[in-house]
Amino acid sequence: PPPTHPGPEFWCSIAYFEMDVQVGEIFKVPSSCPVVVVDGYVDPSGGDRFCLGQLSNVHRTDASERARWDAAGGR
């Protein structure tokens, strides 16, 4: 029989940038979560949710703020 190999621990990694600056840590989605939601809230409920609202940036521009909320709304 062919050898079995475990699947990857994470199937997706999300890095969030404002202009050319990474904000926050890289978010890794576990293989146990087949879907990930990106939203503007601040309280992630688990490995399947990446919340932009919890990320702060003292150098945030108005343009970044508008784009951030568009992304948070799934646009």
PDB file of N, CA and C in Angstrom:
ATOM      1  N   PRO A   1       0.829  -1.200   0.000  1.00  0.00           N
ATOM      2  CA  PRO A   1       0.000   0.000   0.000  1.00  0.00           C
ATOM      3  C   PRO A   1       0.868   1.256   0.000  1.00  0.00           C
ATOM      4  N   PRO A   2       0.398   2.334  -0.644  1.00  0.00           N
ATOM      5  CA  PRO A   2       1.182   3.581  -0.649  1.00  0.00           C
ATOM      6  C   PRO A   2       1.220   4.192   0.742  1.00  0.00           C
ATOM      7  N   PRO A   3       2.321   4.851   1.058  1.00  0.00           N
ATOM      8  CA  PRO A   3       2.408   5.483   2.386  1.00  0.00           C
ATOM      9  C   PRO A   3       1.396   6.629   2.491  1.00  0.00           C
ATOM     10  N   THR A   4       0.891   6.824   3.670  1.00  0.00           N
ATOM     11  CA  THR A   4      -0.028   7.940   3.885  1.00  0.00           C
ATOM     12  C   THR A   4       0.734   9.081   4.547  1.00  0.00           C
ATOM     13  N   HIS A   5       0.465  10.265   4.079  1.00  0.00           N
ATOM     14  CA  HIS A   5       1.110  11.455   4.630  1.00  0.00           C
ATOM     15  C   HIS A   5       0.031  12.357   5.210  1.00  0.00           C
ATOM     16  N   PRO A   6       0.277  12.896   6.377  1.00  0.00           N
ATOM     17  CA  PRO A   6      -0.720  13.828   6.918  1.00  0.00           C
ATOM     18  C   PRO A   6      -0.779  15.082   6.046  1.00  0.00           C
ATOM     19  N   GLY A   7      -1.946  15.682   5.981  1.00  0.00           N
ATOM     20  CA  GLY A   7      -2.101  16.920   5.218  1.00  0.00           C
ATOM     21  C   GLY A   7      -1.416  18.064   5.938  1.00  0.00           C
ATOM     22  N   PRO A   8      -1.364  19.215   5.287  1.00  0.00           N
ATOM     23  CA  PRO A   8      -0.729  20.375   5.925  1.00  0.00           C
ATOM     24  C   PRO A   8      -1.540  20.845   7.128  1.00  0.00           C
ATOM     25  N   GLU A   9      -0.857  21.432   8.093  1.00  0.00           N
ATOM     26  CA  GLU A   9      -1.531  21.953   9.282  1.00  0.00           C
ATOM     27  C   GLU A   9      -2.394  23.170   8.934  1.00  0.00           C
ATOM     28  N   PHE A  10      -1.918  23.977   7.982  1.00  0.00           N
ATOM     29  CA  PHE A  10      -2.639  25.180   7.558  1.00  0.00           C
ATOM     30  C   PHE A  10      -2.796  25.145   6.045  1.00  0.00           C
ATOM     31  N   TRP A  11      -3.940  25.562   5.549  1.00  0.00           N
ATOM     32  CA  TRP A  11      -4.160  25.571   4.102  1.00  0.00           C
ATOM     33  C   TRP A  11      -4.092  26.976   3.511  1.00  0.00           C
ATOM     34  N   CYS A  12      -4.079  28.005   4.371  1.00  0.00           N
ATOM     35  CA  CYS A  12      -4.086  29.382   3.879  1.00  0.00           C
ATOM     36  C   CYS A  12      -3.395  30.290   4.897  1.00  0.00           C
ATOM     37  N   SER A  13      -2.642  31.257   4.401  1.00  0.00           N
ATOM     38  CA  SER A  13      -2.039  32.280   5.254  1.00  0.00           C
ATOM     39  C   SER A  13      -2.437  33.643   4.706  1.00  0.00           C
ATOM     40  N   ILE A  14      -2.849  34.543   5.605  1.00  0.00           N
ATOM     41  CA  ILE A  14      -3.285  35.875   5.194  1.00  0.00           C
ATOM     42  C   ILE A  14      -2.386  36.912   5.854  1.00  0.00           C
ATOM     43  N   ALA A  15      -1.766  37.748   5.031  1.00  0.00           N
ATOM     44  CA  ALA A  15      -0.986  38.878   5.529  1.00  0.00           C
ATOM     45  C   ALA A  15      -1.748  40.141   5.134  1.00  0.00           C
ATOM     46  N   TYR A  16      -1.976  41.034   6.077  1.00  0.00           N
ATOM     47  CA  TYR A  16      -2.731  42.260   5.833  1.00  0.00           C
ATOM     48  C   TYR A  16      -1.767  43.441   5.788  1.00  0.00           C
ATOM     49  N   PHE A  17      -1.864  44.221   4.714  1.00  0.00           N
ATOM     50  CA  PHE A  17      -0.993  45.381   4.524  1.00  0.00           C
ATOM     51  C   PHE A  17      -1.823  46.643   4.358  1.00  0.00           C
ATOM     52  N   GLU A  18      -1.319  47.749   4.856  1.00  0.00           N
ATOM     53  CA  GLU A  18      -1.834  49.079   4.562  1.00  0.00           C
ATOM     54  C   GLU A  18      -0.687  49.819   3.907  1.00  0.00           C
ATOM     55  N   MET A  19      -0.890  50.134   2.647  1.00  0.00           N
ATOM     56  CA  MET A  19       0.159  50.680   1.790  1.00  0.00           C
ATOM     57  C   MET A  19       1.267  49.626   1.731  1.00  0.00           C
ATOM     58  N   ASP A  20       2.479  49.937   2.140  1.00  0.00           N
ATOM     59  CA  ASP A  20       3.554  48.948   2.060  1.00  0.00           C
ATOM     60  C   ASP A  20       3.959  48.415   3.432  1.00  0.00           C
ATOM     61  N   VAL A  21       3.096  48.578   4.433  1.00  0.00           N
ATOM     62  CA  VAL A  21       3.415  48.172   5.802  1.00  0.00           C
ATOM     63  C   VAL A  21       2.493  47.037   6.246  1.00  0.00           C
ATOM     64  N   GLN A  22       3.088  45.923   6.645  1.00  0.00           N
ATOM     65  CA  GLN A  22       2.280  44.827   7.176  1.00  0.00           C
ATOM     66  C   GLN A  22       1.732  45.229   8.541  1.00  0.00           C
ATOM     67  N   VAL A  23       0.441  44.999   8.740  1.00  0.00           N
ATOM     68  CA  VAL A  23      -0.228  45.324   9.996  1.00  0.00           C
ATOM     69  C   VAL A  23      -0.648  44.010  10.637  1.00  0.00           C
ATOM     70  N   GLY A  24      -0.170  43.764  11.832  1.00  0.00           N
ATOM     71  CA  GLY A  24      -0.513  42.530  12.530  1.00  0.00           C
ATOM     72  C   GLY A  24       0.325  41.350  12.069  1.00  0.00           C
ATOM     73  N   GLU A  25       0.031  40.230  12.664  1.00  0.00           N
ATOM     74  CA  GLU A  25       0.745  38.990  12.360  1.00  0.00           C
ATOM     75  C   GLU A  25       0.086  38.285  11.174  1.00  0.00           C
ATOM     76  N   ILE A  26       0.807  37.349  10.580  1.00  0.00           N
ATOM     77  CA  ILE A  26       0.229  36.525   9.525  1.00  0.00           C
ATOM     78  C   ILE A  26      -0.808  35.605  10.156  1.00  0.00           C
ATOM     79  N   PHE A  27      -1.984  35.567   9.563  1.00  0.00           N
ATOM     80  CA  PHE A  27      -3.089  34.741  10.050  1.00  0.00           C
ATOM     81  C   PHE A  27      -3.071  33.434   9.273  1.00  0.00           C
ATOM     82  N   LYS A  28      -2.949  32.326   9.981  1.00  0.00           N
ATOM     83  CA  LYS A  28      -2.895  31.012   9.347  1.00  0.00           C
ATOM     84  C   LYS A  28      -4.205  30.283   9.596  1.00  0.00           C
ATOM     85  N   VAL A  29      -4.818  29.803   8.518  1.00  0.00           N
ATOM     86  CA  VAL A  29      -6.099  29.107   8.612  1.00  0.00           C
ATOM     87  C   VAL A  29      -5.832  27.607   8.714  1.00  0.00           C
ATOM     88  N   PRO A  30      -6.289  26.978   9.799  1.00  0.00           N
ATOM     89  CA  PRO A  30      -6.054  25.546   9.967  1.00  0.00           C
ATOM     90  C   PRO A  30      -6.791  24.724   8.912  1.00  0.00           C
ATOM     91  N   SER A  31      -6.230  23.593   8.569  1.00  0.00           N
ATOM     92  CA  SER A  31      -6.853  22.704   7.596  1.00  0.00           C
ATOM     93  C   SER A  31      -8.218  22.224   8.054  1.00  0.00           C
ATOM     94  N   SER A  32      -8.475  22.266   9.344  1.00  0.00           N
ATOM     95  CA  SER A  32      -9.776  21.838   9.866  1.00  0.00           C
ATOM     96  C   SER A  32     -10.884  22.843   9.558  1.00  0.00           C
ATOM     97  N   CYS A  33     -10.526  24.033   9.068  1.00  0.00           N
ATOM     98  CA  CYS A  33     -11.509  25.074   8.720  1.00  0.00           C
ATOM     99  C   CYS A  33     -11.516  25.239   7.200  1.00  0.00           C
ATOM    100  N   PRO A  34     -12.510  24.688   6.506  1.00  0.00           N
ATOM    101  CA  PRO A  34     -12.506  24.751   5.038  1.00  0.00           C
ATOM    102  C   PRO A  34     -12.815  26.137   4.469  1.00  0.00           C
ATOM    103  N   VAL A  35     -13.344  27.037   5.303  1.00  0.00           N
ATOM    104  CA  VAL A  35     -13.714  28.384   4.854  1.00  0.00           C
ATOM    105  C   VAL A  35     -13.188  29.391   5.869  1.00  0.00           C
ATOM    106  N   VAL A  36     -12.721  30.542   5.372  1.00  0.00           N
ATOM    107  CA  VAL A  36     -12.292  31.615   6.267  1.00  0.00           C
ATOM    108  C   VAL A  36     -13.084  32.876   5.922  1.00  0.00           C
ATOM    109  N   VAL A  37     -13.491  33.609   6.950  1.00  0.00           N
ATOM    110  CA  VAL A  37     -14.248  34.846   6.778  1.00  0.00           C
ATOM    111  C   VAL A  37     -13.351  36.014   7.175  1.00  0.00           C
ATOM    112  N   VAL A  38     -13.301  37.035   6.316  1.00  0.00           N
ATOM    113  CA  VAL A  38     -12.596  38.276   6.637  1.00  0.00           C
ATOM    114  C   VAL A  38     -13.673  39.321   6.895  1.00  0.00           C
ATOM    115  N   ASP A  39     -13.639  39.925   8.085  1.00  0.00           N
ATOM    116  CA  ASP A  39     -14.655  40.924   8.413  1.00  0.00           C
ATOM    117  C   ASP A  39     -14.057  42.067   9.213  1.00  0.00           C
ATOM    118  N   GLY A  40     -14.872  43.032   9.557  1.00  0.00           N
ATOM    119  CA  GLY A  40     -14.407  44.224  10.259  1.00  0.00           C
ATOM    120  C   GLY A  40     -14.623  44.185  11.753  1.00  0.00           C
ATOM    121  N   TYR A  41     -14.981  43.038  12.272  1.00  0.00           N
ATOM    122  CA  TYR A  41     -15.254  42.943  13.703  1.00  0.00           C
ATOM    123  C   TYR A  41     -13.963  42.799  14.495  1.00  0.00           C
ATOM    124  N   VAL A  42     -14.078  42.714  15.814  1.00  0.00           N
ATOM    125  CA  VAL A  42     -12.886  42.709  16.656  1.00  0.00           C
ATOM    126  C   VAL A  42     -12.740  41.452  17.499  1.00  0.00           C
ATOM    127  N   ASP A  43     -13.680  40.532  17.416  1.00  0.00           N
ATOM    128  CA  ASP A  43     -13.655  39.370  18.298  1.00  0.00           C
ATOM    129  C   ASP A  43     -13.671  38.079  17.489  1.00  0.00           C
ATOM    130  N   PRO A  44     -12.504  37.595  17.093  1.00  0.00           N
ATOM    131  CA  PRO A  44     -12.489  36.365  16.311  1.00  0.00           C
ATOM    132  C   PRO A  44     -13.015  35.192  17.131  1.00  0.00           C
ATOM    133  N   SER A  45     -13.822  34.364  16.476  1.00  0.00           N
ATOM    134  CA  SER A  45     -14.421  33.244  17.199  1.00  0.00           C
ATOM    135  C   SER A  45     -13.634  31.957  17.032  1.00  0.00           C
ATOM    136  N   GLY A  46     -12.630  31.963  16.197  1.00  0.00           N
ATOM    137  CA  GLY A  46     -11.845  30.756  16.000  1.00  0.00           C
ATOM    138  C   GLY A  46     -10.911  30.913  14.824  1.00  0.00           C
ATOM    139  N   GLY A  47     -10.365  29.805  14.368  1.00  0.00           N
ATOM    140  CA  GLY A  47      -9.398  29.829  13.283  1.00  0.00           C
ATOM    141  C   GLY A  47      -9.995  30.109  11.930  1.00  0.00           C
ATOM    142  N   ASP A  48     -11.335  30.244  11.866  1.00  0.00           N
ATOM    143  CA  ASP A  48     -11.987  30.458  10.578  1.00  0.00           C
ATOM    144  C   ASP A  48     -12.396  31.913  10.355  1.00  0.00           C
ATOM    145  N   ARG A  49     -11.874  32.823  11.160  1.00  0.00           N
ATOM    146  CA  ARG A  49     -12.292  34.222  11.067  1.00  0.00           C
ATOM    147  C   ARG A  49     -11.103  35.157  11.271  1.00  0.00           C
ATOM    148  N   PHE A  50     -10.886  36.047  10.306  1.00  0.00           N
ATOM    149  CA  PHE A  50      -9.820  37.045  10.367  1.00  0.00           C
ATOM    150  C   PHE A  50     -10.488  38.405  10.492  1.00  0.00           C
ATOM    151  N   CYS A  51     -10.350  39.034  11.646  1.00  0.00           N
ATOM    152  CA  CYS A  51     -11.063  40.279  11.959  1.00  0.00           C
ATOM    153  C   CYS A  51     -10.153  41.490  11.786  1.00  0.00           C
ATOM    154  N   LEU A  52     -10.450  42.311  10.791  1.00  0.00           N
ATOM    155  CA  LEU A  52      -9.649  43.513  10.556  1.00  0.00           C
ATOM    156  C   LEU A  52      -9.823  44.545  11.656  1.00  0.00           C
ATOM    157  N   GLY A  53     -10.947  44.533  12.340  1.00  0.00           N
ATOM    158  CA  GLY A  53     -11.224  45.522  13.369  1.00  0.00           C
ATOM    159  C   GLY A  53     -10.276  45.469  14.545  1.00  0.00           C
ATOM    160  N   GLN A  54      -9.627  44.333  14.743  1.00  0.00           N
ATOM    161  CA  GLN A  54      -8.719  44.217  15.880  1.00  0.00           C
ATOM    162  C   GLN A  54      -7.310  44.704  15.557  1.00  0.00           C
ATOM    163  N   LEU A  55      -7.058  45.074  14.309  1.00  0.00           N
ATOM    164  CA  LEU A  55      -5.724  45.515  13.902  1.00  0.00           C
ATOM    165  C   LEU A  55      -5.624  47.034  13.978  1.00  0.00           C
ATOM    166  N   SER A  56      -4.652  47.520  14.724  1.00  0.00           N
ATOM    167  CA  SER A  56      -4.471  48.966  14.835  1.00  0.00           C
ATOM    168  C   SER A  56      -3.195  49.388  14.117  1.00  0.00           C
ATOM    169  N   ASN A  57      -3.205  50.624  13.646  1.00  0.00           N
ATOM    170  CA  ASN A  57      -2.059  51.184  12.948  1.00  0.00           C
ATOM    171  C   ASN A  57      -2.075  52.691  13.195  1.00  0.00           C
ATOM    172  N   VAL A  58      -1.118  53.185  13.963  1.00  0.00           N
ATOM    173  CA  VAL A  58      -1.093  54.613  14.298  1.00  0.00           C
ATOM    174  C   VAL A  58      -0.838  55.485  13.071  1.00  0.00           C
ATOM    175  N   HIS A  59      -0.337  54.895  11.990  1.00  0.00           N
ATOM    176  CA  HIS A  59      -0.038  55.649  10.770  1.00  0.00           C
ATOM    177  C   HIS A  59      -1.106  55.441   9.700  1.00  0.00           C
ATOM    178  N   ARG A  60      -2.265  54.962  10.058  1.00  0.00           N
ATOM    179  CA  ARG A  60      -3.335  54.673   9.100  1.00  0.00           C
ATOM    180  C   ARG A  60      -3.797  55.959   8.417  1.00  0.00           C
ATOM    181  N   THR A  61      -3.941  55.898   7.098  1.00  0.00           N
ATOM    182  CA  THR A  61      -4.422  57.045   6.327  1.00  0.00           C
ATOM    183  C   THR A  61      -5.928  56.909   6.085  1.00  0.00           C
ATOM    184  N   ASP A  62      -6.551  57.998   5.638  1.00  0.00           N
ATOM    185  CA  ASP A  62      -7.976  57.945   5.302  1.00  0.00           C
ATOM    186  C   ASP A  62      -8.230  56.937   4.186  1.00  0.00           C
ATOM    187  N   ALA A  63      -7.343  56.897   3.195  1.00  0.00           N
ATOM    188  CA  ALA A  63      -7.498  55.951   2.088  1.00  0.00           C
ATOM    189  C   ALA A  63      -7.418  54.512   2.593  1.00  0.00           C
ATOM    190  N   SER A  64      -6.497  54.251   3.502  1.00  0.00           N
ATOM    191  CA  SER A  64      -6.387  52.910   4.087  1.00  0.00           C
ATOM    192  C   SER A  64      -7.641  52.562   4.868  1.00  0.00           C
ATOM    193  N   GLU A  65      -8.166  53.525   5.597  1.00  0.00           N
ATOM    194  CA  GLU A  65      -9.378  53.289   6.392  1.00  0.00           C
ATOM    195  C   GLU A  65     -10.560  52.924   5.495  1.00  0.00           C
ATOM    196  N   ARG A  66     -10.724  53.648   4.393  1.00  0.00           N
ATOM    197  CA  ARG A  66     -11.830  53.346   3.470  1.00  0.00           C
ATOM    198  C   ARG A  66     -11.661  51.969   2.841  1.00  0.00           C
ATOM    199  N   ALA A  67     -10.465  51.660   2.380  1.00  0.00           N
ATOM    200  CA  ALA A  67     -10.213  50.356   1.756  1.00  0.00           C
ATOM    201  C   ALA A  67     -10.381  49.227   2.762  1.00  0.00           C
ATOM    202  N   ARG A  68      -9.974  49.472   3.967  1.00  0.00           N
ATOM    203  CA  ARG A  68     -10.084  48.477   5.031  1.00  0.00           C
ATOM    204  C   ARG A  68     -11.541  48.107   5.285  1.00  0.00           C
ATOM    205  N   TRP A  69     -12.409  49.100   5.356  1.00  0.00           N
ATOM    206  CA  TRP A  69     -13.822  48.815   5.614  1.00  0.00           C
ATOM    207  C   TRP A  69     -14.507  48.205   4.404  1.00  0.00           C
ATOM    208  N   ASP A  70     -14.041  48.539   3.189  1.00  0.00           N
ATOM    209  CA  ASP A  70     -14.570  47.852   2.010  1.00  0.00           C
ATOM    210  C   ASP A  70     -14.203  46.372   2.056  1.00  0.00           C
ATOM    211  N   ALA A  71     -12.959  46.084   2.405  1.00  0.00           N
ATOM    212  CA  ALA A  71     -12.525  44.685   2.514  1.00  0.00           C
ATOM    213  C   ALA A  71     -13.278  43.975   3.626  1.00  0.00           C
ATOM    214  N   ALA A  72     -13.503  44.659   4.714  1.00  0.00           N
ATOM    215  CA  ALA A  72     -14.194  44.054   5.856  1.00  0.00           C
ATOM    216  C   ALA A  72     -15.634  43.709   5.516  1.00  0.00           C
ATOM    217  N   GLY A  73     -16.209  44.439   4.568  1.00  0.00           N
ATOM    218  CA  GLY A  73     -17.582  44.167   4.164  1.00  0.00           C
ATOM    219  C   GLY A  73     -17.682  43.149   3.042  1.00  0.00           C
ATOM    220  N   GLY A  74     -16.559  42.570   2.659  1.00  0.00           N
ATOM    221  CA  GLY A  74     -16.561  41.556   1.621  1.00  0.00           C
ATOM    222  C   GLY A  74     -16.595  42.107   0.204  1.00  0.00           C
ATOM    223  N   ARG A  75     -16.246  43.372   0.036  1.00  0.00           N
ATOM    224  CA  ARG A  75     -16.267  43.979  -1.301  1.00  0.00           C
ATOM    225  C   ARG A  75     -14.934  43.849  -1.991  1.00  0.00           C
TER     226      ARG A  75
END
